[in-house]
Amino acid sequence: MIDYKIIGKRIREARRKLGLTQAALAELSGVEPSNISHIERAATKLSLPTLVGIANALGVSLDELVYDNLKRCEHISRGIIDELTLDCSADELRSIAEVIKTTKAVLRSAKG
């Protein structure tokens, strides 16, 4: 099942990151302005052509918008981690690595 709420949230986050209004995104993507609001709030489902238009307007890939709905999305998560740590110092990276190790151990122990 597709989680339109998560897709809408990702669209809103990407739009805001670019400093775009809903009206500006609508114009760039060829979508009606009221539809952008509906899509971001998951008040409507969106078609593949609409999703492609929005992704192109935002300069993101489709999988970045829908990855929570995909079974194979490890590459997206790795990309997010890479982006988040790109500007980190060596000390910050060591601390983040320790948090990841601890979190991984906790997650695996909860499974088993």
N, C-alpha and C. Protein backbone atom coordinates (compact mmCIF):
# COMPACT_ATOMS: atom_id res chain seq x y z
N MET A 1 0.83 -1.18 0.00
CA MET A 1 0.00 0.00 0.00
C MET A 1 0.88 1.25 0.00
N ILE A 2 0.51 2.24 -0.76
CA ILE A 2 1.29 3.46 -0.89
C ILE A 2 0.89 4.44 0.21
N ASP A 3 1.88 4.97 0.91
CA ASP A 3 1.64 5.94 1.97
C ASP A 3 1.77 7.35 1.38
N TYR A 4 0.64 7.91 0.98
CA TYR A 4 0.63 9.24 0.36
C TYR A 4 1.00 10.34 1.35
N LYS A 5 0.81 10.09 2.63
CA LYS A 5 1.16 11.07 3.65
C LYS A 5 2.67 11.30 3.67
N ILE A 6 3.43 10.21 3.60
CA ILE A 6 4.89 10.32 3.60
C ILE A 6 5.37 10.98 2.32
N ILE A 7 4.77 10.62 1.20
CA ILE A 7 5.16 11.23 -0.07
C ILE A 7 4.89 12.74 -0.02
N GLY A 8 3.72 13.12 0.48
CA GLY A 8 3.39 14.53 0.61
C GLY A 8 4.36 15.27 1.51
N LYS A 9 4.74 14.62 2.60
CA LYS A 9 5.70 15.23 3.54
C LYS A 9 7.04 15.44 2.85
N ARG A 10 7.50 14.47 2.10
CA ARG A 10 8.78 14.60 1.40
C ARG A 10 8.73 15.71 0.35
N ILE A 11 7.61 15.81 -0.34
CA ILE A 11 7.45 16.88 -1.34
C ILE A 11 7.52 18.24 -0.65
N ARG A 12 6.80 18.38 0.46
CA ARG A 12 6.80 19.64 1.21
C ARG A 12 8.21 19.98 1.69
N GLU A 13 8.93 18.99 2.23
CA GLU A 13 10.29 19.22 2.72
C GLU A 13 11.22 19.66 1.59
N ALA A 14 11.13 18.98 0.45
CA ALA A 14 11.99 19.33 -0.69
C ALA A 14 11.65 20.72 -1.22
N ARG A 15 10.36 21.03 -1.27
CA ARG A 15 9.92 22.35 -1.74
C ARG A 15 10.45 23.45 -0.82
N ARG A 16 10.30 23.25 0.48
CA ARG A 16 10.76 24.25 1.44
C ARG A 16 12.29 24.40 1.41
N LYS A 17 12.98 23.29 1.22
CA LYS A 17 14.45 23.32 1.15
C LYS A 17 14.91 24.21 0.00
N LEU A 18 14.13 24.22 -1.08
CA LEU A 18 14.45 25.06 -2.23
C LEU A 18 13.90 26.48 -2.09
N GLY A 19 13.13 26.72 -1.04
CA GLY A 19 12.54 28.04 -0.84
C GLY A 19 11.39 28.34 -1.78
N LEU A 20 10.72 27.29 -2.25
CA LEU A 20 9.61 27.47 -3.19
C LEU A 20 8.28 27.53 -2.45
N THR A 21 7.39 28.34 -2.96
CA THR A 21 6.01 28.33 -2.47
C THR A 21 5.27 27.21 -3.18
N GLN A 22 4.10 26.88 -2.68
CA GLN A 22 3.28 25.88 -3.37
C GLN A 22 2.93 26.36 -4.77
N ALA A 23 2.66 27.65 -4.92
CA ALA A 23 2.32 28.21 -6.24
C ALA A 23 3.49 28.09 -7.21
N ALA A 24 4.70 28.35 -6.70
CA ALA A 24 5.88 28.25 -7.56
C ALA A 24 6.11 26.80 -7.99
N LEU A 25 5.96 25.86 -7.06
CA LEU A 25 6.11 24.45 -7.41
C LEU A 25 5.05 24.03 -8.41
N ALA A 26 3.84 24.52 -8.23
CA ALA A 26 2.76 24.20 -9.17
C ALA A 26 3.12 24.66 -10.57
N GLU A 27 3.63 25.87 -10.67
CA GLU A 27 3.99 26.41 -11.98
C GLU A 27 5.12 25.61 -12.62
N LEU A 28 6.13 25.28 -11.83
CA LEU A 28 7.28 24.52 -12.36
C LEU A 28 6.91 23.11 -12.77
N SER A 29 5.94 22.52 -12.08
CA SER A 29 5.61 21.11 -12.32
C SER A 29 4.39 20.93 -13.22
N GLY A 30 3.69 22.02 -13.53
CA GLY A 30 2.51 21.90 -14.38
C GLY A 30 1.30 21.34 -13.65
N VAL A 31 1.28 21.51 -12.34
CA VAL A 31 0.18 21.01 -11.51
C VAL A 31 -0.62 22.22 -11.03
N GLU A 32 -1.90 22.04 -10.86
CA GLU A 32 -2.73 23.12 -10.33
C GLU A 32 -2.27 23.47 -8.91
N PRO A 33 -2.20 24.76 -8.58
CA PRO A 33 -1.73 25.15 -7.24
C PRO A 33 -2.49 24.49 -6.09
N SER A 34 -3.80 24.37 -6.23
CA SER A 34 -4.58 23.74 -5.15
C SER A 34 -4.20 22.27 -4.99
N ASN A 35 -3.77 21.64 -6.08
CA ASN A 35 -3.38 20.22 -5.99
C ASN A 35 -2.10 20.03 -5.19
N ILE A 36 -1.19 20.99 -5.24
CA ILE A 36 0.05 20.86 -4.46
C ILE A 36 -0.30 20.79 -2.98
N SER A 37 -1.18 21.66 -2.54
CA SER A 37 -1.61 21.63 -1.14
C SER A 37 -2.26 20.30 -0.80
N HIS A 38 -3.13 19.81 -1.67
CA HIS A 38 -3.80 18.53 -1.43
C HIS A 38 -2.80 17.38 -1.39
N ILE A 39 -1.82 17.42 -2.28
CA ILE A 39 -0.80 16.36 -2.33
C ILE A 39 0.05 16.37 -1.06
N GLU A 40 0.47 17.56 -0.64
CA GLU A 40 1.31 17.65 0.56
C GLU A 40 0.57 17.20 1.82
N ARG A 41 -0.74 17.37 1.83
CA ARG A 41 -1.54 16.95 2.99
C ARG A 41 -2.11 15.54 2.83
N ALA A 42 -1.79 14.89 1.72
CA ALA A 42 -2.29 13.55 1.41
C ALA A 42 -3.81 13.53 1.34
N ALA A 43 -4.38 14.64 0.91
CA ALA A 43 -5.83 14.72 0.75
C ALA A 43 -6.27 14.19 -0.60
N THR A 44 -5.30 13.89 -1.45
CA THR A 44 -5.58 13.32 -2.76
C THR A 44 -4.45 12.39 -3.15
N LYS A 45 -4.76 11.43 -3.97
CA LYS A 45 -3.73 10.55 -4.52
C LYS A 45 -3.14 11.26 -5.74
N LEU A 46 -1.91 10.95 -6.07
CA LEU A 46 -1.32 11.57 -7.23
C LEU A 46 -0.92 10.52 -8.25
N SER A 47 -1.02 10.90 -9.50
CA SER A 47 -0.70 9.99 -10.59
C SER A 47 0.81 9.98 -10.82
N LEU A 48 1.26 8.99 -11.55
CA LEU A 48 2.68 8.90 -11.87
C LEU A 48 3.15 10.12 -12.67
N PRO A 49 2.41 10.57 -13.70
CA PRO A 49 2.86 11.77 -14.42
C PRO A 49 2.96 13.00 -13.51
N THR A 50 2.04 13.13 -12.57
CA THR A 50 2.10 14.26 -11.64
C THR A 50 3.33 14.13 -10.73
N LEU A 51 3.56 12.94 -10.22
CA LEU A 51 4.71 12.70 -9.36
C LEU A 51 6.02 12.97 -10.10
N VAL A 52 6.10 12.54 -11.34
CA VAL A 52 7.31 12.78 -12.14
C VAL A 52 7.51 14.28 -12.35
N GLY A 53 6.43 14.99 -12.67
CA GLY A 53 6.53 16.43 -12.86
C GLY A 53 7.01 17.15 -11.61
N ILE A 54 6.49 16.75 -10.48
CA ILE A 54 6.90 17.36 -9.21
C ILE A 54 8.36 17.02 -8.90
N ALA A 55 8.74 15.76 -9.09
CA ALA A 55 10.13 15.36 -8.83
C ALA A 55 11.09 16.15 -9.72
N ASN A 56 10.74 16.30 -10.99
CA ASN A 56 11.60 17.06 -11.90
C ASN A 56 11.68 18.53 -11.48
N ALA A 57 10.56 19.10 -11.07
CA ALA A 57 10.55 20.50 -10.64
C ALA A 57 11.40 20.69 -9.38
N LEU A 58 11.41 19.70 -8.51
CA LEU A 58 12.18 19.78 -7.27
C LEU A 58 13.64 19.35 -7.44
N GLY A 59 13.95 18.74 -8.58
CA GLY A 59 15.31 18.26 -8.82
C GLY A 59 15.68 17.06 -7.98
N VAL A 60 14.67 16.22 -7.70
CA VAL A 60 14.91 15.00 -6.92
C VAL A 60 14.47 13.80 -7.75
N SER A 61 14.91 12.63 -7.35
CA SER A 61 14.49 11.42 -8.05
C SER A 61 13.19 10.89 -7.43
N LEU A 62 12.48 10.10 -8.20
CA LEU A 62 11.24 9.52 -7.69
C LEU A 62 11.47 8.70 -6.43
N ASP A 63 12.55 7.94 -6.42
CA ASP A 63 12.78 7.09 -5.26
C ASP A 63 13.04 7.90 -4.00
N GLU A 64 13.54 9.11 -4.13
CA GLU A 64 13.71 9.96 -2.95
C GLU A 64 12.36 10.34 -2.35
N LEU A 65 11.34 10.45 -3.17
CA LEU A 65 10.01 10.83 -2.70
C LEU A 65 9.23 9.63 -2.17
N VAL A 66 9.47 8.46 -2.73
CA VAL A 66 8.62 7.30 -2.39
C VAL A 66 9.36 6.18 -1.67
N TYR A 67 10.61 6.41 -1.27
CA TYR A 67 11.41 5.28 -0.80
C TYR A 67 10.84 4.54 0.40
N ASP A 68 10.06 5.17 1.25
CA ASP A 68 9.46 4.45 2.37
C ASP A 68 8.45 3.41 1.90
N ASN A 69 7.99 3.57 0.68
CA ASN A 69 7.03 2.64 0.12
C ASN A 69 7.70 1.50 -0.66
N LEU A 70 9.01 1.53 -0.77
CA LEU A 70 9.75 0.54 -1.54
C LEU A 70 10.37 -0.51 -0.63
N LYS A 71 10.39 -1.73 -1.10
CA LYS A 71 11.02 -2.80 -0.33
C LYS A 71 12.54 -2.70 -0.38
N ARG A 72 13.07 -2.24 -1.51
CA ARG A 72 14.51 -2.12 -1.66
C ARG A 72 14.88 -0.64 -1.72
N CYS A 73 15.23 -0.08 -0.59
CA CYS A 73 15.51 1.36 -0.55
C CYS A 73 16.81 1.68 0.20
N GLU A 74 17.65 0.71 0.39
CA GLU A 74 18.85 0.93 1.16
C GLU A 74 19.71 2.05 0.57
N HIS A 75 19.76 2.12 -0.76
CA HIS A 75 20.61 3.13 -1.39
C HIS A 75 20.13 4.54 -1.07
N ILE A 76 18.84 4.73 -0.88
CA ILE A 76 18.32 6.05 -0.52
C ILE A 76 18.73 6.39 0.90
N SER A 77 18.58 5.44 1.81
CA SER A 77 18.96 5.70 3.20
C SER A 77 20.45 6.00 3.31
N ARG A 78 21.26 5.28 2.55
CA ARG A 78 22.70 5.55 2.57
C ARG A 78 23.00 6.95 2.03
N GLY A 79 22.26 7.35 1.00
CA GLY A 79 22.44 8.69 0.44
C GLY A 79 22.06 9.77 1.44
N ILE A 80 21.00 9.53 2.20
CA ILE A 80 20.58 10.49 3.22
C ILE A 80 21.66 10.61 4.29
N ILE A 81 22.19 9.48 4.72
CA ILE A 81 23.25 9.50 5.73
C ILE A 81 24.47 10.24 5.19
N ASP A 82 24.83 9.97 3.94
CA ASP A 82 25.97 10.66 3.33
C ASP A 82 25.74 12.17 3.31
N GLU A 83 24.54 12.58 2.91
CA GLU A 83 24.24 14.02 2.84
C GLU A 83 24.28 14.67 4.22
N LEU A 84 23.75 13.97 5.21
CA LEU A 84 23.72 14.53 6.56
C LEU A 84 25.12 14.66 7.17
N THR A 85 26.05 13.82 6.75
CA THR A 85 27.38 13.82 7.35
C THR A 85 28.43 14.49 6.48
N LEU A 86 28.03 15.01 5.35
CA LEU A 86 28.97 15.60 4.40
C LEU A 86 29.83 16.70 5.01
N ASP A 87 29.25 17.53 5.85
CA ASP A 87 29.99 18.66 6.42
C ASP A 87 30.49 18.40 7.84
N CYS A 88 30.50 17.16 8.26
CA CYS A 88 30.91 16.83 9.63
C CYS A 88 32.44 16.77 9.77
N SER A 89 32.88 17.15 10.94
CA SER A 89 34.31 17.03 11.25
C SER A 89 34.62 15.57 11.56
N ALA A 90 35.90 15.27 11.69
CA ALA A 90 36.31 13.90 12.03
C ALA A 90 35.75 13.48 13.38
N ASP A 91 35.77 14.39 14.34
CA ASP A 91 35.23 14.08 15.67
C ASP A 91 33.72 13.82 15.60
N GLU A 92 33.03 14.64 14.84
CA GLU A 92 31.58 14.44 14.69
C GLU A 92 31.28 13.10 14.02
N LEU A 93 32.07 12.75 13.00
CA LEU A 93 31.87 11.47 12.32
C LEU A 93 32.11 10.29 13.25
N ARG A 94 33.13 10.39 14.12
CA ARG A 94 33.37 9.32 15.08
C ARG A 94 32.18 9.17 16.03
N SER A 95 31.65 10.28 16.48
CA SER A 95 30.49 10.25 17.39
C SER A 95 29.27 9.66 16.69
N ILE A 96 29.06 10.06 15.47
CA ILE A 96 27.92 9.54 14.69
C ILE A 96 28.09 8.04 14.47
N ALA A 97 29.30 7.61 14.18
CA ALA A 97 29.57 6.19 13.97
C ALA A 97 29.24 5.39 15.24
N GLU A 98 29.58 5.94 16.40
CA GLU A 98 29.27 5.26 17.66
C GLU A 98 27.76 5.17 17.88
N VAL A 99 27.04 6.24 17.54
CA VAL A 99 25.57 6.23 17.66
C VAL A 99 24.98 5.17 16.73
N ILE A 100 25.51 5.09 15.52
CA ILE A 100 25.02 4.09 14.56
C ILE A 100 25.29 2.68 15.07
N LYS A 101 26.50 2.43 15.59
CA LYS A 101 26.83 1.10 16.12
C LYS A 101 25.89 0.71 17.24
N THR A 102 25.65 1.64 18.16
CA THR A 102 24.77 1.37 19.30
C THR A 102 23.34 1.13 18.83
N THR A 103 22.87 1.97 17.93
CA THR A 103 21.50 1.82 17.41
C THR A 103 21.34 0.49 16.69
N LYS A 104 22.32 0.13 15.90
CA LYS A 104 22.29 -1.14 15.17
C LYS A 104 22.22 -2.32 16.15
N ALA A 105 23.02 -2.28 17.19
CA ALA A 105 23.01 -3.36 18.19
C ALA A 105 21.66 -3.46 18.88
N VAL A 106 21.08 -2.32 19.23
CA VAL A 106 19.77 -2.32 19.89
C VAL A 106 18.70 -2.87 18.96
N LEU A 107 18.70 -2.43 17.70
CA LEU A 107 17.71 -2.92 16.74
C LEU A 107 17.82 -4.43 16.52
N ARG A 108 19.05 -4.91 16.41
CA ARG A 108 19.24 -6.34 16.18
C ARG A 108 18.90 -7.18 17.40
N SER A 109 19.18 -6.65 18.58
CA SER A 109 18.84 -7.42 19.79
C SER A 109 17.30 -7.45 20.00
N ALA A 110 16.63 -6.42 19.54
CA ALA A 110 15.15 -6.39 19.66
C ALA A 110 14.50 -7.40 18.74
N LYS A 111 15.16 -7.71 17.62
CA LYS A 111 14.63 -8.68 16.65
C LYS A 111 14.76 -10.11 17.15
N GLY A 112 15.82 -10.34 17.86
CA GLY A 112 16.17 -11.70 18.12
C GLY A 112 15.91 -12.25 19.44
